[in-house]
């Protein structure tokens, strides 16, 4: 989903988040000036200790982005697929 910014510990992380410019899910081109996900809906977060990560923006009304414990480690890539959730934890419309 386009228009989502990564949050870590409840705040935006503009020095540590990167977003892709690809129109498809190839995830090959970072857009240095981007402040939220593009058409492919992908973000890359670096320099992160184990803490809650979430998102903000583009979620449907009455929905929010869930938080997940995550961290970065040198030489490793972790992938987390996330969808906005309704207040009851169910799927968003």
Foldseek 3Di string as FASTA:
>chain_A
DWWKAKDWPRHGDLVFKWEAPDLDLPRDHTDNVDRIYDNHRDMGGAPFDFTWMWIDGDADPQWGTDIDTDGDDPPDDDDDDTAIAHPVRHHDD
